[in-house]
Structures are given as C-alpha cells and as structure tokens.
Amino acid sequence: MEEDRLTSECLRRILRYAEGKGWRGYDPYDGLLSPLGNLPIPLYRLLFQQVLKRSPLWLRRVLLIPESHNPKGLALFLWAYSLLGDEGRARRVFEILIRYRTDLEGGGIGFGYNFNWQSSVFYVPAYTPNTIATSFAIFAISEANRRFGWDFPLERFLPFYERYLNRFRDENGKLWMSYTPLDRLRIFNASILGAVAYATAGGDLDVLREVADTLSYYQRDDGSWPYGLGHPRMDYVDHIHTAYNLWGLRWASEVVGGWEETVSDGFNFYLRNLFNDEGLPVGRLGGRGHDTHDVAAALITLKMFGERERAIEIERYACAHLVGEDGRVFNGPKDRRTFMRWSVAWLSLALAFPT
C-alpha cells in the first residue's frame, strides 16, 4: 500500500538521522547536566530544569550540556530495530545500552536516566535505576531475544525488582511498585509496567495479578486514572501515562487473564477524552496541544487495540508535520526542537510498532 511505503520511508529517514547522531541527543529533562544546575537546593534545581525544558537548544550548548546517550532512549531504538528485523543495528544499540547499566549487589542490573532529575516530589541522582527505564530495557531485550534468537538472561533484572525497588501495600491492602529505590510513591504506570517487566524477566506472576488489581480498584468511574495518588501534584490525567496504564493492563491480561472490563472502560475514556476533534492526541485532560511523545503513545495504543485506520491518519500527520527532510523529529507541530529520547526514539518505535 502507498501509505505503508510512505511510512516506511519516513521511518528510514528518522533512523538514518538517529544513527548519524550515534543515538545521542538532548532531552527535555537534561538541564541538571549543566555545571550550574546542581546546587543542593531542590527548588533551584526544579526551576533550573524547568527553564531548560522550555528553552531553545542553543542555551544547552551555552550551559555546557552535552548531547548524550539516554538508556531509555537506547532501549526504544533497540525495540524498534528488533521489530524491523535489523539485527546489525539492534546489536550496535544493545552494546551501547548495556554499557550504561547500573550493577547491583548480588549480580543484578537496572537502568536509570543519564542525568540528575528533580521533580516536585523527589530527587533522583543520575543512573539511579528506575522502574520505567529498566522495564523498557526488558521489553526491548525480550523482543531482541525473540526476534534474533539472542540469549541475554533477563533474570539478571530480577534482583532490581525483588530487592531494590520498594514493593509495598497501601491502606487498602493494594500492592504497588515504587518508581525508584528511593521513594514509596504510588504511581500507576510505574507499578503496572514494572510488574509486567518483572513477569517478563521470570518474576512472580502473583505480583502482576495484584498490581493489575490495584489499577482496577483505583480506576475512576469515568474509566480514568490520575498520574498517581497521595500527592496533589500527581492528581492529573494525561495522555502518555494513561496509554502506559492501558498497555500494562493489556499485557497483564494476555499473560495471566482478567481485567477486560477495566481495560475496556479505560480505553473508552482514552478515546473520548484524550483526542481532539481532528483525531489527534491531547497531552492532558482538558488541554488542547500535544507533543511528539503524545503522538507516539497514541500510535502504539491505537495499533495495540486494533484501531488501524485511526493509527494510519496519525502516522500520516506525524510524517508530514513532525519529521524534517533530514529525518530529525520535532518536539511538536510548533516546537522545532529535537530530543533524542522524547521525540526521535519514541516516534521510531511507534512507526515500527505492528498493527
């Protein structure tokens, strides 16, 4: 089909650009890589990071922020190359990715971000392994193992989930996985994607069942989830993390069965409330705009749930409005900055993702 040809050509341009950059680039959250960014004052770090998130890329060069490898971004590229059957490039990206692992006592490994990160809730030093980066590494390596017959032992990740992450119950007896070993935050997407990845690595399926039950228990009557519980700054609904919740529950259902009504209610909410009248994603409930990460999350979700025609329309939009002639991927339709993990890697995976 002509649409498939155009999408394939668009994806080739993107991956050619990424390879030409050595899969290095800037990130929306890399502000604290600057020597000026790390005063031991949380509010200062948060404001510095947020200013850089909204600033033109030339300011990063002035502030001595290097283009870098982001382990999660590398995992996304590895997953994309694996889906495309490109073993040579998958191997090259894997060999870079594995150099950025964090070795844990007892032989375990995990992955974190390549920068210090200050949120409104907590602070995480660079390369502290976290649930999301580690889980996407597992998903990518698992696909490479399956597609190419690699034998990387996923059980090396088990100590991270079993001994380093905080696994805890709340006041209602519901099970959660923390975002990092440094917190006990109740974040839905971190818990469910972490539980799926843990199961993928050979972990206890009962943990997956219980965490999926947690999402089912706390799902709102309209089918939505906030980003997290227990802190007012986590009480929002957005596109990306709703998509992550749906992926996690869908995968949990495929592995151990159940939660069909929860998934259906969540997906119906997602379609009704997190797209605009033109069929494009909106970044937050009640908002209007989107960035390329929202577009990529929408593509993967629509493909996963069999909404092929809607996905094709968004692919057409993405390749026409978010990708330059040289393959660079812009952060949004009016934001011409390029972020290697947030825009390039995510759109690569989304376009490679099967329907």
Protein backbone atom coordinates (compact mmCIF):
# COMPACT_ATOMS: atom_id res chain seq x y z
CA MET A 1 0.00 0.00 0.00
CA GLU A 2 1.09 3.58 -0.67
CA GLU A 3 0.55 4.53 2.98
CA ASP A 4 2.83 1.73 4.13
CA ARG A 5 5.52 2.83 1.67
CA LEU A 6 5.37 6.45 2.83
CA THR A 7 5.51 5.43 6.49
CA SER A 8 8.45 3.11 5.85
CA GLU A 9 10.34 5.87 4.05
CA CYS A 10 9.58 8.28 6.89
CA LEU A 11 10.88 5.77 9.43
CA ARG A 12 14.03 5.15 7.39
CA ARG A 13 14.77 8.89 7.40
CA ILE A 14 14.28 9.09 11.16
CA LEU A 15 16.52 6.11 11.88
CA ARG A 16 19.18 7.38 9.47
CA TYR A 17 19.20 10.66 11.39
CA ALA A 18 19.43 8.89 14.76
CA GLU A 19 22.26 6.64 13.60
CA GLY A 20 24.10 9.64 12.18
CA LYS A 21 23.96 11.21 15.63
CA GLY A 22 25.21 8.00 17.22
CA TRP A 23 21.81 7.84 19.00
CA ARG A 24 22.96 10.78 21.15
CA GLY A 25 20.98 13.93 21.71
CA TYR A 26 19.37 16.34 24.11
CA ASP A 27 16.47 15.50 26.41
CA PRO A 28 13.71 17.72 27.84
CA TYR A 29 14.89 16.86 31.36
CA ASP A 30 18.66 17.05 30.95
CA GLY A 31 19.09 20.52 32.46
CA LEU A 32 20.91 19.28 35.53
CA LEU A 33 23.77 18.03 33.35
CA SER A 34 24.91 21.66 33.34
CA PRO A 35 27.61 22.51 35.92
CA LEU A 36 25.30 25.34 37.00
CA GLY A 37 22.34 23.07 37.61
CA ASN A 38 23.22 21.17 40.73
CA LEU A 39 23.18 23.47 43.71
CA PRO A 40 21.87 21.41 46.66
CA ILE A 41 18.61 23.37 46.73
CA PRO A 42 15.58 21.38 45.46
CA LEU A 43 13.57 24.42 44.34
CA TYR A 44 16.57 25.84 42.48
CA ARG A 45 17.17 22.51 40.71
CA LEU A 46 13.50 22.18 39.81
CA LEU A 47 13.30 25.71 38.40
CA PHE A 48 16.60 25.34 36.53
CA GLN A 49 15.41 22.08 34.98
CA GLN A 50 12.00 23.53 34.05
CA VAL A 51 13.55 26.63 32.45
CA LEU A 52 15.83 24.43 30.33
CA LYS A 53 12.89 22.20 29.40
CA ARG A 54 11.24 25.23 27.78
CA SER A 55 14.36 26.90 26.34
CA PRO A 56 15.90 26.76 22.85
CA LEU A 57 18.60 24.17 22.33
CA TRP A 58 21.37 26.75 21.91
CA LEU A 59 21.07 27.56 25.61
CA ARG A 60 22.10 23.98 26.42
CA ARG A 61 25.30 24.50 24.48
CA VAL A 62 25.98 27.74 26.35
CA LEU A 63 25.41 25.94 29.67
CA LEU A 64 27.77 23.09 28.65
CA ILE A 65 25.08 20.41 28.48
CA PRO A 66 26.34 17.66 26.15
CA GLU A 67 24.35 15.59 23.71
CA SER A 68 24.23 12.23 25.47
CA HIS A 69 23.01 8.67 25.35
CA ASN A 70 19.82 8.15 27.33
CA PRO A 71 19.41 4.50 28.39
CA LYS A 72 15.64 4.53 27.95
CA GLY A 73 16.02 6.12 24.53
CA LEU A 74 18.51 3.42 23.57
CA ALA A 75 16.03 0.78 24.72
CA LEU A 76 13.36 2.31 22.49
CA PHE A 77 15.70 2.21 19.49
CA LEU A 78 16.64 -1.40 20.29
CA TRP A 79 12.96 -2.32 20.40
CA ALA A 80 12.30 -0.54 17.09
CA TYR A 81 15.22 -2.22 15.30
CA SER A 82 14.13 -5.58 16.70
CA LEU A 83 10.59 -5.13 15.38
CA LEU A 84 12.06 -4.21 11.99
CA GLY A 85 14.33 -7.26 11.97
CA ASP A 86 17.51 -5.16 11.68
CA GLU A 87 19.84 -7.29 13.79
CA GLY A 88 23.02 -5.42 12.93
CA ARG A 89 21.81 -2.07 14.23
CA ALA A 90 19.97 -3.73 17.10
CA ARG A 91 23.26 -5.28 18.19
CA ARG A 92 25.09 -1.97 17.95
CA VAL A 93 22.48 -0.18 20.06
CA PHE A 94 22.38 -3.04 22.56
CA GLU A 95 26.14 -2.88 23.03
CA ILE A 96 25.86 0.84 23.82
CA LEU A 97 22.86 0.33 26.08
CA ILE A 98 24.43 -2.39 28.20
CA ARG A 99 27.41 -0.13 28.99
CA TYR A 100 25.03 2.19 30.84
CA ARG A 101 23.65 -0.47 33.15
CA THR A 102 23.83 0.01 36.89
CA ASP A 103 25.33 -3.09 38.52
CA LEU A 104 23.63 -4.08 41.76
CA GLU A 105 24.88 -6.19 44.62
CA GLY A 106 24.18 -9.85 44.03
CA GLY A 107 24.69 -9.66 40.28
CA GLY A 108 21.54 -7.79 39.33
CA ILE A 109 21.31 -4.88 36.91
CA GLY A 110 19.00 -1.96 36.26
CA PHE A 111 18.84 1.20 34.18
CA GLY A 112 18.28 4.83 35.05
CA TYR A 113 18.45 8.17 33.30
CA ASN A 114 21.77 9.76 32.38
CA PHE A 115 21.04 12.95 34.31
CA ASN A 116 20.15 14.02 37.81
CA TRP A 117 16.43 14.65 37.96
CA GLN A 118 14.47 16.88 40.31
CA SER A 119 10.69 16.63 40.41
CA SER A 120 8.24 18.46 42.63
CA VAL A 121 8.07 15.30 44.74
CA PHE A 122 11.59 13.82 44.90
CA TYR A 123 15.18 13.99 43.60
CA VAL A 124 16.94 11.17 41.75
CA PRO A 125 20.70 11.13 41.02
CA ALA A 126 21.90 10.14 37.55
CA TYR A 127 21.87 6.42 36.76
CA THR A 128 19.79 5.53 39.79
CA PRO A 129 17.86 2.58 38.34
CA ASN A 130 14.16 3.26 37.97
CA THR A 131 11.17 1.16 37.10
CA ILE A 132 10.37 2.78 33.77
CA ALA A 133 13.84 2.79 32.19
CA THR A 134 14.55 -0.74 33.42
CA SER A 135 11.20 -2.06 32.27
CA PHE A 136 11.56 -0.66 28.75
CA ALA A 137 15.02 -2.21 28.57
CA ILE A 138 13.45 -5.56 29.44
CA PHE A 139 10.73 -5.16 26.81
CA ALA A 140 13.33 -4.28 24.17
CA ILE A 141 15.80 -7.04 25.04
CA SER A 142 12.97 -9.57 25.26
CA GLU A 143 11.91 -8.64 21.71
CA ALA A 144 15.51 -8.93 20.50
CA ASN A 145 15.86 -12.33 22.17
CA ARG A 146 12.66 -13.48 20.48
CA ARG A 147 13.33 -12.00 17.07
CA PHE A 148 17.03 -12.80 16.69
CA GLY A 149 17.48 -15.81 18.94
CA TRP A 150 19.66 -13.90 21.38
CA ASP A 151 20.03 -15.42 24.82
CA PHE A 152 20.54 -12.42 27.08
CA PRO A 153 19.45 -13.65 30.53
CA LEU A 154 16.52 -11.47 31.59
CA GLU A 155 16.70 -12.96 35.08
CA ARG A 156 19.62 -10.61 35.69
CA PHE A 157 16.97 -7.93 36.21
CA LEU A 158 15.12 -9.82 38.95
CA PRO A 159 17.19 -8.53 41.90
CA PHE A 160 16.25 -4.96 40.97
CA TYR A 161 12.54 -5.74 41.32
CA GLU A 162 12.87 -8.12 44.26
CA ARG A 163 15.46 -6.43 46.46
CA TYR A 164 15.94 -2.81 45.40
CA LEU A 165 12.55 -1.44 44.46
CA ASN A 166 10.10 -0.77 47.26
CA ARG A 167 7.16 -3.13 46.92
CA PHE A 168 4.52 -2.07 49.42
CA ARG A 169 0.83 -2.13 50.31
CA ASP A 170 -1.34 0.91 50.93
CA GLU A 171 -4.10 1.45 53.48
CA ASN A 172 -6.48 -0.64 51.36
CA GLY A 173 -4.06 -3.55 51.11
CA LYS A 174 -3.29 -2.85 47.44
CA LEU A 175 0.18 -3.66 46.07
CA TRP A 176 2.44 -1.05 44.47
CA MET A 177 5.95 -0.92 43.00
CA SER A 178 7.91 2.27 43.62
CA TYR A 179 9.35 4.39 40.82
CA THR A 180 12.86 4.16 42.25
CA PRO A 181 14.52 2.52 45.27
CA LEU A 182 14.47 6.00 46.87
CA ASP A 183 10.71 6.51 47.09
CA ARG A 184 7.42 4.94 48.04
CA LEU A 185 5.27 6.87 45.60
CA ARG A 186 2.02 5.42 44.31
CA ILE A 187 2.37 5.93 40.57
CA PHE A 188 0.09 3.78 38.44
CA ASN A 189 2.12 3.46 35.24
CA ALA A 190 5.35 2.67 37.09
CA SER A 191 3.64 -0.07 39.08
CA ILE A 192 1.90 -1.82 36.18
CA LEU A 193 4.76 -1.57 33.66
CA GLY A 194 7.17 -2.66 36.37
CA ALA A 195 5.01 -5.66 37.21
CA VAL A 196 4.74 -6.67 33.54
CA ALA A 197 8.51 -6.34 33.05
CA TYR A 198 9.16 -8.28 36.24
CA ALA A 199 6.94 -11.09 34.94
CA THR A 200 8.67 -10.93 31.54
CA ALA A 201 12.01 -11.45 33.29
CA GLY A 202 10.65 -14.54 35.04
CA GLY A 203 9.27 -12.95 38.19
CA ASP A 204 6.29 -13.93 40.33
CA LEU A 205 3.04 -13.75 38.33
CA ASP A 206 1.09 -13.15 41.53
CA VAL A 207 2.79 -9.76 41.76
CA LEU A 208 1.48 -8.92 38.30
CA ARG A 209 -2.02 -10.04 39.27
CA GLU A 210 -2.02 -7.93 42.41
CA VAL A 211 -0.68 -4.81 40.74
CA ALA A 212 -3.23 -5.13 37.94
CA ASP A 213 -5.90 -5.44 40.63
CA THR A 214 -4.57 -2.20 42.14
CA LEU A 215 -5.21 -0.35 38.89
CA SER A 216 -8.65 -1.90 38.60
CA TYR A 217 -9.51 -0.94 42.19
CA TYR A 218 -8.49 2.70 41.81
CA GLN A 219 -9.87 3.27 38.33
CA ARG A 220 -12.29 6.18 38.46
CA ASP A 221 -15.92 5.82 37.48
CA ASP A 222 -15.27 7.51 34.13
CA GLY A 223 -12.51 4.97 33.32
CA SER A 224 -9.55 7.26 34.03
CA TRP A 225 -6.57 7.18 36.35
CA PRO A 226 -4.65 10.13 37.76
CA TYR A 227 -0.89 10.01 37.36
CA GLY A 228 -0.61 8.90 40.98
CA LEU A 229 -2.08 9.01 44.47
CA GLY A 230 -1.05 10.65 47.72
CA HIS A 231 0.25 13.98 46.44
CA PRO A 232 -1.74 16.88 44.92
CA ARG A 233 0.85 17.38 42.17
CA MET A 234 0.15 13.86 40.90
CA ASP A 235 -3.60 14.42 40.62
CA TYR A 236 -3.81 14.93 36.86
CA VAL A 237 -4.78 12.79 33.87
CA ASP A 238 -2.55 12.84 30.81
CA HIS A 239 -2.19 11.05 27.51
CA ILE A 240 1.16 9.32 27.90
CA HIS A 241 0.60 7.74 31.29
CA THR A 242 -2.98 6.72 30.52
CA ALA A 243 -1.54 4.94 27.48
CA TYR A 244 1.11 3.25 29.63
CA ASN A 245 -1.59 2.03 32.02
CA LEU A 246 -3.57 0.58 29.13
CA TRP A 247 -0.51 -1.16 27.68
CA GLY A 248 0.35 -2.65 31.04
CA LEU A 249 -3.16 -3.92 31.72
CA ARG A 250 -3.49 -5.27 28.19
CA TRP A 251 -0.22 -7.17 28.53
CA ALA A 252 -1.20 -8.39 32.01
CA SER A 253 -4.46 -9.69 30.60
CA GLU A 254 -2.58 -11.56 27.88
CA VAL A 255 -0.19 -13.14 30.39
CA VAL A 256 -2.50 -14.13 33.25
CA GLY A 257 -6.03 -13.24 32.10
CA GLY A 258 -8.60 -10.84 33.51
CA TRP A 259 -9.33 -7.09 33.75
CA GLU A 260 -11.22 -6.98 30.45
CA GLU A 261 -13.80 -4.53 31.81
CA THR A 262 -11.11 -2.33 33.35
CA VAL A 263 -9.24 -2.21 30.05
CA SER A 264 -12.42 -1.54 28.08
CA ASP A 265 -13.51 1.28 30.38
CA GLY A 266 -10.03 2.79 30.32
CA PHE A 267 -9.75 2.62 26.54
CA ASN A 268 -13.19 4.14 26.05
CA PHE A 269 -12.25 7.03 28.36
CA TYR A 270 -8.99 7.42 26.46
CA LEU A 271 -10.70 7.65 23.07
CA ARG A 272 -13.40 10.03 24.28
CA ASN A 273 -11.24 12.43 26.26
CA LEU A 274 -7.61 12.38 25.14
CA PHE A 275 -8.06 13.17 21.45
CA ASN A 276 -9.32 16.34 19.80
CA ASP A 277 -11.99 16.68 17.13
CA GLU A 278 -9.38 16.13 14.40
CA GLY A 279 -8.43 12.76 15.90
CA LEU A 280 -5.07 13.97 17.23
CA PRO A 281 -3.96 13.36 20.82
CA VAL A 282 -4.16 15.97 23.55
CA GLY A 283 -1.43 15.93 26.16
CA ARG A 284 -3.64 16.44 29.22
CA LEU A 285 -7.28 16.02 30.06
CA GLY A 286 -8.98 19.30 29.22
CA GLY A 287 -6.00 20.53 27.21
CA ARG A 288 -5.61 21.17 23.51
CA GLY A 289 -1.99 20.72 22.49
CA HIS A 290 0.32 17.74 22.12
CA ASP A 291 3.95 16.91 21.60
CA THR A 292 5.55 14.10 19.63
CA HIS A 293 5.69 11.78 22.63
CA ASP A 294 1.88 12.08 22.87
CA VAL A 295 1.61 11.25 19.17
CA ALA A 296 3.87 8.21 19.55
CA ALA A 297 1.93 6.96 22.58
CA ALA A 298 -1.31 7.37 20.65
CA LEU A 299 0.04 5.42 17.68
CA ILE A 300 1.18 2.48 19.79
CA THR A 301 -2.08 2.40 21.75
CA LEU A 302 -4.31 2.57 18.68
CA LYS A 303 -2.31 -0.16 16.95
CA MET A 304 -2.37 -2.32 20.07
CA PHE A 305 -6.16 -2.01 20.30
CA GLY A 306 -6.83 -2.63 16.60
CA GLU A 307 -7.73 0.95 15.62
CA ARG A 308 -5.73 0.72 12.39
CA GLU A 309 -7.46 3.44 10.38
CA ARG A 310 -7.09 5.98 13.16
CA ALA A 311 -3.44 5.00 13.52
CA ILE A 312 -2.84 5.49 9.78
CA GLU A 313 -4.25 9.01 9.97
CA ILE A 314 -1.92 9.88 12.84
CA GLU A 315 1.07 8.31 11.05
CA ARG A 316 0.28 10.49 8.04
CA TYR A 317 0.08 13.56 10.26
CA ALA A 318 3.32 12.72 12.10
CA CYS A 319 5.37 12.19 8.96
CA ALA A 320 4.00 15.36 7.34
CA HIS A 321 4.27 17.73 10.30
CA LEU A 322 6.74 16.34 12.83
CA VAL A 323 9.60 14.95 10.71
CA GLY A 324 12.13 17.05 8.79
CA GLU A 325 13.61 16.20 5.42
CA ASP A 326 16.81 15.08 7.12
CA GLY A 327 14.89 12.78 9.48
CA ARG A 328 15.05 14.89 12.62
CA VAL A 329 11.87 14.64 14.67
CA PHE A 330 10.49 17.85 16.08
CA ASN A 331 9.12 18.03 19.60
CA GLY A 332 5.75 19.24 18.35
CA PRO A 333 3.97 20.90 15.42
CA LYS A 334 5.11 24.35 16.60
CA ASP A 335 8.22 23.29 18.53
CA ARG A 336 11.14 22.66 16.20
CA ARG A 337 13.49 21.37 18.89
CA THR A 338 14.64 17.75 18.60
CA PHE A 339 15.01 15.49 21.64
CA MET A 340 16.57 12.09 21.01
CA ARG A 341 14.58 10.07 23.56
CA TRP A 342 11.40 12.10 23.81
CA SER A 343 10.74 12.62 20.11
CA VAL A 344 13.12 10.65 17.85
CA ALA A 345 13.22 7.33 19.71
CA TRP A 346 9.54 7.35 20.60
CA LEU A 347 8.33 8.08 17.08
CA SER A 348 10.73 5.44 15.72
CA LEU A 349 9.19 2.80 17.96
CA ALA A 350 5.65 3.96 17.22
CA LEU A 351 6.11 3.78 13.44
CA ALA A 352 7.81 0.38 13.74
CA PHE A 353 5.13 -0.99 16.05
CA PRO A 354 2.93 -3.60 14.33
CA THR A 355 -0.82 -3.25 13.91
